[in-house]
Amino acid sequence: MISTRDYFGDWYGSPLVTPLFQSNAMRLLSACNKLELMMLADGIKMPINPKTKNQISGDKLGGFRPKGTGVGAGDGSSHCEALGVDRFDPLQEQGKWCRANFKKLEECGLYMEHLDATPTWLHLTIRAPKSGRREFKP
């Protein structure tokens, strides 16, 4: 499971983490952790990222990402509003499971970025893309 401490990383307790972002993160992580239980029940593994020491991908910007980092979708990224997370998924096992289980993604209120754009991580968000599709291209 991803904790709020894991999600906010270096910014945990920072004034950059507003009450709105805390609330968004709680909704996001609740949905992601519900999905994780579903994946675990189907035998999907949840590897730990050796760089972050948790299930978040990257070096330190796979969870909350303050505006101005210039990473990914920039300031428009769901990470900047605590609405998106990149799960460590080096073999795309979680992503392939999600792709085969869109109804479970829907049940959790989650959307995923297309696997072609996320070769070693699974981007999940509670912010619906403009297309409204469960799997979207950035």
N, C-alpha and C. Protein backbone atom coordinates (compact mmCIF):
# COMPACT_ATOMS: atom_id res chain seq x y z
N MET A 1 0.83 -1.18 0.00
CA MET A 1 0.00 0.00 0.00
C MET A 1 0.88 1.26 0.00
N ILE A 2 0.41 2.27 -0.66
CA ILE A 2 1.13 3.55 -0.69
C ILE A 2 0.55 4.44 0.40
N SER A 3 1.41 4.92 1.28
CA SER A 3 0.98 5.81 2.37
C SER A 3 1.05 7.26 1.90
N THR A 4 0.44 8.15 2.67
CA THR A 4 0.53 9.57 2.33
C THR A 4 1.97 10.06 2.50
N ARG A 5 2.70 9.51 3.45
CA ARG A 5 4.11 9.88 3.61
C ARG A 5 4.90 9.48 2.36
N ASP A 6 4.65 8.26 1.86
CA ASP A 6 5.29 7.81 0.61
C ASP A 6 4.90 8.74 -0.53
N TYR A 7 3.61 9.04 -0.63
CA TYR A 7 3.10 9.83 -1.75
C TYR A 7 3.69 11.24 -1.79
N PHE A 8 3.72 11.91 -0.65
CA PHE A 8 4.23 13.29 -0.62
C PHE A 8 5.75 13.36 -0.52
N GLY A 9 6.39 12.27 -0.12
CA GLY A 9 7.85 12.21 -0.11
C GLY A 9 8.50 13.38 0.59
N ASP A 10 9.44 14.03 -0.10
CA ASP A 10 10.18 15.15 0.48
C ASP A 10 9.29 16.33 0.87
N TRP A 11 8.09 16.37 0.35
CA TRP A 11 7.17 17.49 0.62
C TRP A 11 6.18 17.18 1.73
N TYR A 12 6.29 16.01 2.34
CA TYR A 12 5.40 15.64 3.44
C TYR A 12 5.56 16.67 4.56
N GLY A 13 4.47 17.28 4.98
CA GLY A 13 4.52 18.30 6.02
C GLY A 13 4.88 19.69 5.53
N SER A 14 5.14 19.83 4.24
CA SER A 14 5.51 21.12 3.66
C SER A 14 4.27 21.99 3.45
N PRO A 15 4.43 23.31 3.48
CA PRO A 15 3.31 24.20 3.17
C PRO A 15 2.81 24.04 1.73
N LEU A 16 3.63 23.42 0.87
CA LEU A 16 3.18 23.16 -0.51
C LEU A 16 2.05 22.15 -0.55
N VAL A 17 1.94 21.34 0.50
CA VAL A 17 0.88 20.33 0.59
C VAL A 17 -0.31 20.98 1.30
N THR A 18 -1.15 21.58 0.51
CA THR A 18 -2.32 22.29 1.03
C THR A 18 -3.38 21.31 1.52
N PRO A 19 -4.36 21.79 2.29
CA PRO A 19 -5.45 20.91 2.70
C PRO A 19 -6.18 20.28 1.50
N LEU A 20 -6.31 21.04 0.40
CA LEU A 20 -6.94 20.47 -0.79
C LEU A 20 -6.11 19.31 -1.34
N PHE A 21 -4.79 19.48 -1.41
CA PHE A 21 -3.93 18.41 -1.90
C PHE A 21 -3.96 17.21 -0.96
N GLN A 22 -4.02 17.45 0.34
CA GLN A 22 -4.14 16.34 1.29
C GLN A 22 -5.42 15.55 1.05
N SER A 23 -6.52 16.27 0.85
CA SER A 23 -7.80 15.62 0.59
C SER A 23 -7.77 14.85 -0.73
N ASN A 24 -7.21 15.47 -1.77
CA ASN A 24 -7.09 14.79 -3.06
C ASN A 24 -6.28 13.51 -2.93
N ALA A 25 -5.16 13.60 -2.21
CA ALA A 25 -4.29 12.43 -2.05
C ALA A 25 -5.00 11.32 -1.29
N MET A 26 -5.78 11.65 -0.30
CA MET A 26 -6.52 10.64 0.45
C MET A 26 -7.50 9.91 -0.47
N ARG A 27 -8.20 10.65 -1.32
CA ARG A 27 -9.13 10.03 -2.27
C ARG A 27 -8.38 9.15 -3.27
N LEU A 28 -7.27 9.67 -3.79
CA LEU A 28 -6.46 8.93 -4.76
C LEU A 28 -5.92 7.65 -4.15
N LEU A 29 -5.28 7.76 -2.99
CA LEU A 29 -4.65 6.59 -2.38
C LEU A 29 -5.67 5.57 -1.92
N SER A 30 -6.83 6.02 -1.49
CA SER A 30 -7.90 5.09 -1.13
C SER A 30 -8.31 4.26 -2.35
N ALA A 31 -8.46 4.93 -3.49
CA ALA A 31 -8.83 4.23 -4.73
C ALA A 31 -7.72 3.29 -5.18
N CYS A 32 -6.47 3.76 -5.11
CA CYS A 32 -5.33 2.93 -5.53
C CYS A 32 -5.14 1.73 -4.62
N ASN A 33 -5.33 1.91 -3.33
CA ASN A 33 -5.15 0.80 -2.40
C ASN A 33 -6.28 -0.22 -2.55
N LYS A 34 -7.48 0.24 -2.87
CA LYS A 34 -8.58 -0.68 -3.16
C LYS A 34 -8.23 -1.52 -4.40
N LEU A 35 -7.72 -0.85 -5.42
CA LEU A 35 -7.32 -1.55 -6.64
C LEU A 35 -6.18 -2.53 -6.35
N GLU A 36 -5.24 -2.11 -5.52
CA GLU A 36 -4.12 -3.00 -5.17
C GLU A 36 -4.62 -4.29 -4.55
N LEU A 37 -5.59 -4.21 -3.66
CA LEU A 37 -6.15 -5.42 -3.05
C LEU A 37 -6.75 -6.34 -4.11
N MET A 38 -7.40 -5.77 -5.11
CA MET A 38 -7.96 -6.56 -6.20
C MET A 38 -6.86 -7.25 -7.00
N MET A 39 -5.78 -6.50 -7.28
CA MET A 39 -4.67 -7.08 -8.03
C MET A 39 -3.99 -8.19 -7.23
N LEU A 40 -3.76 -7.96 -5.95
CA LEU A 40 -3.14 -8.97 -5.10
C LEU A 40 -3.97 -10.25 -5.06
N ALA A 41 -5.29 -10.09 -5.02
CA ALA A 41 -6.18 -11.26 -5.01
C ALA A 41 -6.02 -12.09 -6.27
N ASP A 42 -5.61 -11.45 -7.36
CA ASP A 42 -5.39 -12.15 -8.63
C ASP A 42 -3.93 -12.54 -8.82
N GLY A 43 -3.12 -12.38 -7.79
CA GLY A 43 -1.73 -12.83 -7.85
C GLY A 43 -0.74 -11.85 -8.47
N ILE A 44 -1.15 -10.61 -8.66
CA ILE A 44 -0.25 -9.61 -9.23
C ILE A 44 0.70 -9.13 -8.14
N LYS A 45 1.97 -9.04 -8.47
CA LYS A 45 2.99 -8.63 -7.51
C LYS A 45 3.10 -7.11 -7.46
N MET A 46 3.45 -6.61 -6.29
CA MET A 46 3.62 -5.18 -6.04
C MET A 46 5.08 -4.93 -5.63
N PRO A 47 5.97 -4.82 -6.60
CA PRO A 47 7.39 -4.66 -6.26
C PRO A 47 7.70 -3.30 -5.62
N ILE A 48 8.77 -3.29 -4.86
CA ILE A 48 9.26 -2.08 -4.22
C ILE A 48 10.34 -1.47 -5.12
N ASN A 49 10.23 -0.18 -5.35
CA ASN A 49 11.22 0.54 -6.14
C ASN A 49 12.48 0.72 -5.28
N PRO A 50 13.62 0.22 -5.73
CA PRO A 50 14.83 0.37 -4.91
C PRO A 50 15.25 1.83 -4.70
N LYS A 51 14.82 2.73 -5.58
CA LYS A 51 15.20 4.15 -5.43
C LYS A 51 14.35 4.86 -4.39
N THR A 52 13.03 4.56 -4.36
CA THR A 52 12.15 5.25 -3.41
C THR A 52 11.89 4.43 -2.15
N LYS A 53 12.22 3.15 -2.19
CA LYS A 53 12.00 2.22 -1.07
C LYS A 53 10.51 2.02 -0.78
N ASN A 54 9.66 2.28 -1.79
CA ASN A 54 8.23 2.03 -1.68
C ASN A 54 7.70 1.68 -3.08
N GLN A 55 6.42 1.72 -3.28
CA GLN A 55 5.82 1.30 -4.55
C GLN A 55 5.69 2.44 -5.56
N ILE A 56 6.25 3.59 -5.26
CA ILE A 56 6.18 4.72 -6.18
C ILE A 56 7.37 4.68 -7.13
N SER A 57 7.11 4.95 -8.40
CA SER A 57 8.13 4.89 -9.44
C SER A 57 9.02 6.13 -9.44
N GLY A 58 10.12 6.04 -10.15
CA GLY A 58 11.01 7.17 -10.34
C GLY A 58 12.00 7.35 -9.21
N ASP A 59 12.59 8.55 -9.16
CA ASP A 59 13.54 8.87 -8.10
C ASP A 59 12.83 9.53 -6.92
N LYS A 60 11.96 10.51 -7.21
CA LYS A 60 11.19 11.15 -6.14
C LYS A 60 10.00 11.94 -6.66
N LEU A 61 9.72 11.88 -7.95
CA LEU A 61 8.61 12.67 -8.50
C LEU A 61 7.46 11.82 -9.05
N GLY A 62 7.37 10.55 -8.61
CA GLY A 62 6.29 9.68 -9.06
C GLY A 62 5.02 9.81 -8.25
N GLY A 63 5.12 10.49 -7.13
CA GLY A 63 3.95 10.77 -6.30
C GLY A 63 3.55 12.22 -6.51
N PHE A 64 3.42 12.95 -5.40
CA PHE A 64 3.13 14.39 -5.50
C PHE A 64 4.30 15.09 -6.17
N ARG A 65 3.96 16.05 -6.98
CA ARG A 65 4.98 16.78 -7.74
C ARG A 65 4.61 18.27 -7.70
N PRO A 66 5.38 19.08 -6.99
CA PRO A 66 5.07 20.52 -6.96
C PRO A 66 5.15 21.12 -8.36
N LYS A 67 4.39 22.15 -8.57
CA LYS A 67 4.45 22.87 -9.85
C LYS A 67 5.85 23.42 -10.04
N GLY A 68 6.26 23.47 -11.29
CA GLY A 68 7.56 24.03 -11.62
C GLY A 68 8.67 23.00 -11.76
N THR A 69 8.35 21.72 -11.60
CA THR A 69 9.40 20.70 -11.72
C THR A 69 9.75 20.42 -13.18
N GLY A 70 8.82 20.71 -14.10
CA GLY A 70 9.09 20.49 -15.52
C GLY A 70 9.07 19.03 -15.93
N VAL A 71 8.59 18.16 -15.08
CA VAL A 71 8.57 16.73 -15.36
C VAL A 71 7.20 16.33 -15.93
N GLY A 72 7.21 15.37 -16.86
CA GLY A 72 5.97 14.84 -17.40
C GLY A 72 5.14 15.90 -18.09
N ALA A 73 3.88 16.00 -17.69
CA ALA A 73 2.95 16.96 -18.30
C ALA A 73 3.12 18.35 -17.72
N GLY A 74 4.20 18.58 -17.00
CA GLY A 74 4.45 19.90 -16.43
C GLY A 74 3.43 20.28 -15.38
N ASP A 75 3.13 21.55 -15.30
CA ASP A 75 2.23 22.05 -14.26
C ASP A 75 0.79 21.58 -14.43
N GLY A 76 0.44 21.04 -15.60
CA GLY A 76 -0.91 20.51 -15.81
C GLY A 76 -1.06 19.07 -15.37
N SER A 77 0.01 18.48 -14.88
CA SER A 77 0.01 17.08 -14.47
C SER A 77 -0.91 16.85 -13.28
N SER A 78 -1.57 15.71 -13.27
CA SER A 78 -2.42 15.34 -12.13
C SER A 78 -1.58 15.20 -10.85
N HIS A 79 -0.29 14.93 -10.99
CA HIS A 79 0.59 14.84 -9.83
C HIS A 79 0.65 16.17 -9.07
N CYS A 80 0.58 17.28 -9.80
CA CYS A 80 0.70 18.62 -9.19
C CYS A 80 -0.52 18.99 -8.36
N GLU A 81 -1.62 18.27 -8.53
CA GLU A 81 -2.83 18.51 -7.74
C GLU A 81 -3.12 17.35 -6.80
N ALA A 82 -2.15 16.44 -6.66
CA ALA A 82 -2.30 15.24 -5.82
C ALA A 82 -3.46 14.37 -6.30
N LEU A 83 -3.61 14.29 -7.63
CA LEU A 83 -4.67 13.48 -8.23
C LEU A 83 -4.12 12.29 -9.02
N GLY A 84 -2.79 12.16 -9.10
CA GLY A 84 -2.19 11.09 -9.88
C GLY A 84 -0.95 10.54 -9.21
N VAL A 85 -0.64 9.28 -9.53
CA VAL A 85 0.53 8.61 -8.98
C VAL A 85 1.10 7.65 -10.01
N ASP A 86 2.41 7.48 -9.98
CA ASP A 86 3.09 6.50 -10.82
C ASP A 86 3.53 5.35 -9.91
N ARG A 87 2.93 4.19 -10.12
CA ARG A 87 3.29 2.99 -9.37
C ARG A 87 4.47 2.31 -10.05
N PHE A 88 5.41 1.80 -9.29
CA PHE A 88 6.54 1.06 -9.81
C PHE A 88 6.01 -0.24 -10.42
N ASP A 89 6.20 -0.43 -11.72
CA ASP A 89 5.67 -1.58 -12.44
C ASP A 89 6.65 -1.95 -13.56
N PRO A 90 7.86 -2.42 -13.19
CA PRO A 90 8.92 -2.61 -14.18
C PRO A 90 8.61 -3.62 -15.28
N LEU A 91 7.72 -4.55 -15.03
CA LEU A 91 7.37 -5.55 -16.05
C LEU A 91 5.98 -5.33 -16.64
N GLN A 92 5.34 -4.23 -16.28
CA GLN A 92 3.99 -3.87 -16.73
C GLN A 92 2.94 -4.90 -16.34
N GLU A 93 3.19 -5.66 -15.31
CA GLU A 93 2.21 -6.65 -14.86
C GLU A 93 0.94 -5.97 -14.33
N GLN A 94 1.12 -4.91 -13.54
CA GLN A 94 -0.03 -4.20 -13.01
C GLN A 94 -0.81 -3.52 -14.14
N GLY A 95 -0.07 -2.90 -15.05
CA GLY A 95 -0.71 -2.21 -16.17
C GLY A 95 -1.50 -3.16 -17.05
N LYS A 96 -0.92 -4.31 -17.35
CA LYS A 96 -1.63 -5.29 -18.19
C LYS A 96 -2.86 -5.82 -17.47
N TRP A 97 -2.77 -6.02 -16.17
CA TRP A 97 -3.92 -6.46 -15.39
C TRP A 97 -5.02 -5.39 -15.45
N CYS A 98 -4.62 -4.14 -15.28
CA CYS A 98 -5.61 -3.05 -15.33
C CYS A 98 -6.29 -2.98 -16.70
N ARG A 99 -5.49 -3.13 -17.74
CA ARG A 99 -6.04 -3.09 -19.10
C ARG A 99 -7.08 -4.20 -19.30
N ALA A 100 -6.85 -5.34 -18.70
CA ALA A 100 -7.78 -6.47 -18.82
C ALA A 100 -8.95 -6.36 -17.84
N ASN A 101 -8.91 -5.38 -16.95
CA ASN A 101 -9.93 -5.25 -15.91
C ASN A 101 -10.46 -3.82 -15.79
N PHE A 102 -10.86 -3.23 -16.90
CA PHE A 102 -11.35 -1.85 -16.88
C PHE A 102 -12.54 -1.67 -15.93
N LYS A 103 -13.36 -2.70 -15.78
CA LYS A 103 -14.51 -2.58 -14.87
C LYS A 103 -14.04 -2.38 -13.43
N LYS A 104 -12.92 -3.01 -13.07
CA LYS A 104 -12.39 -2.82 -11.71
C LYS A 104 -11.77 -1.43 -11.56
N LEU A 105 -11.14 -0.95 -12.62
CA LEU A 105 -10.65 0.43 -12.59
C LEU A 105 -11.81 1.39 -12.38
N GLU A 106 -12.90 1.15 -13.13
CA GLU A 106 -14.08 1.99 -13.01
C GLU A 106 -14.67 1.92 -11.61
N GLU A 107 -14.73 0.72 -11.05
CA GLU A 107 -15.25 0.53 -9.69
C GLU A 107 -14.45 1.34 -8.67
N CYS A 108 -13.17 1.49 -8.93
CA CYS A 108 -12.29 2.26 -8.03
C CYS A 108 -12.26 3.75 -8.38
N GLY A 109 -12.84 4.12 -9.52
CA GLY A 109 -12.83 5.53 -9.94
C GLY A 109 -11.49 5.96 -10.49
N LEU A 110 -10.75 5.03 -11.08
CA LEU A 110 -9.41 5.31 -11.58
C LEU A 110 -9.31 5.25 -13.09
N TYR A 111 -8.34 6.00 -13.61
CA TYR A 111 -7.99 6.01 -15.03
C TYR A 111 -6.49 5.74 -15.12
N MET A 112 -6.07 5.14 -16.24
CA MET A 112 -4.65 4.83 -16.40
C MET A 112 -4.11 5.40 -17.69
N GLU A 113 -2.86 5.80 -17.64
CA GLU A 113 -2.18 6.26 -18.85
C GLU A 113 -1.83 5.06 -19.71
N HIS A 114 -1.85 5.24 -21.02
CA HIS A 114 -1.58 4.17 -21.97
C HIS A 114 -0.23 3.51 -21.67
N LEU A 115 -0.19 2.20 -21.76
CA LEU A 115 1.03 1.45 -21.43
C LEU A 115 2.21 1.80 -22.33
N ASP A 116 1.94 2.23 -23.56
CA ASP A 116 3.03 2.63 -24.45
C ASP A 116 3.82 3.82 -23.89
N ALA A 117 3.16 4.65 -23.09
CA ALA A 117 3.80 5.85 -22.53
C ALA A 117 4.40 5.60 -21.15
N THR A 118 4.19 4.40 -20.60
CA THR A 118 4.64 4.11 -19.24
C THR A 118 5.34 2.75 -19.19
N PRO A 119 6.53 2.66 -19.75
CA PRO A 119 7.18 1.35 -19.89
C PRO A 119 7.58 0.66 -18.59
N THR A 120 7.81 1.40 -17.51
CA THR A 120 8.24 0.77 -16.26
C THR A 120 7.40 1.24 -15.06
N TRP A 121 6.30 1.88 -15.33
CA TRP A 121 5.43 2.35 -14.26
C TRP A 121 3.98 2.31 -14.72
N LEU A 122 3.07 2.43 -13.78
CA LEU A 122 1.63 2.49 -14.05
C LEU A 122 1.14 3.82 -13.51
N HIS A 123 0.74 4.70 -14.41
CA HIS A 123 0.20 5.99 -13.98
C HIS A 123 -1.29 5.83 -13.75
N LEU A 124 -1.72 6.12 -12.52
CA LEU A 124 -3.14 6.08 -12.15
C LEU A 124 -3.56 7.46 -11.70
N THR A 125 -4.79 7.82 -12.04
CA THR A 125 -5.32 9.12 -11.64
C THR A 125 -6.82 9.01 -11.36
N ILE A 126 -7.30 9.89 -10.50
CA ILE A 126 -8.74 9.98 -10.26
C ILE A 126 -9.34 11.12 -11.09
N ARG A 127 -8.50 11.81 -11.84
CA ARG A 127 -8.97 12.89 -12.72
C ARG A 127 -9.28 12.29 -14.09
N ALA A 128 -10.52 12.37 -14.49
CA ALA A 128 -10.93 11.81 -15.78
C ALA A 128 -10.25 12.58 -16.92
N PRO A 129 -9.72 11.86 -17.91
CA PRO A 129 -9.14 12.54 -19.06
C PRO A 129 -10.25 13.13 -19.93
N LYS A 130 -9.89 14.03 -20.81
CA LYS A 130 -10.88 14.66 -21.70
C LYS A 130 -11.65 13.62 -22.51
N SER A 131 -10.97 12.53 -22.88
CA SER A 131 -11.62 11.48 -23.68
C SER A 131 -12.63 10.68 -22.86
N GLY A 132 -12.48 10.68 -21.53
CA GLY A 132 -13.35 9.89 -20.67
C GLY A 132 -13.02 8.41 -20.66
N ARG A 133 -12.00 8.00 -21.41
CA ARG A 133 -11.63 6.58 -21.48
C ARG A 133 -10.82 6.17 -20.26
N ARG A 134 -10.95 4.90 -19.88
CA ARG A 134 -10.21 4.38 -18.73
C ARG A 134 -8.71 4.36 -18.99
N GLU A 135 -8.31 4.11 -20.24
CA GLU A 135 -6.90 4.18 -20.61
C GLU A 135 -6.75 5.30 -21.62
N PHE A 136 -5.86 6.23 -21.35
CA PHE A 136 -5.74 7.41 -22.18
C PHE A 136 -4.29 7.62 -22.60
N LYS A 137 -4.12 8.30 -23.71
CA LYS A 137 -2.78 8.69 -24.16
C LYS A 137 -2.54 10.13 -23.75
N PRO A 138 -1.32 10.40 -23.26
CA PRO A 138 -1.02 11.77 -22.81
C PRO A 138 -1.00 12.77 -23.95
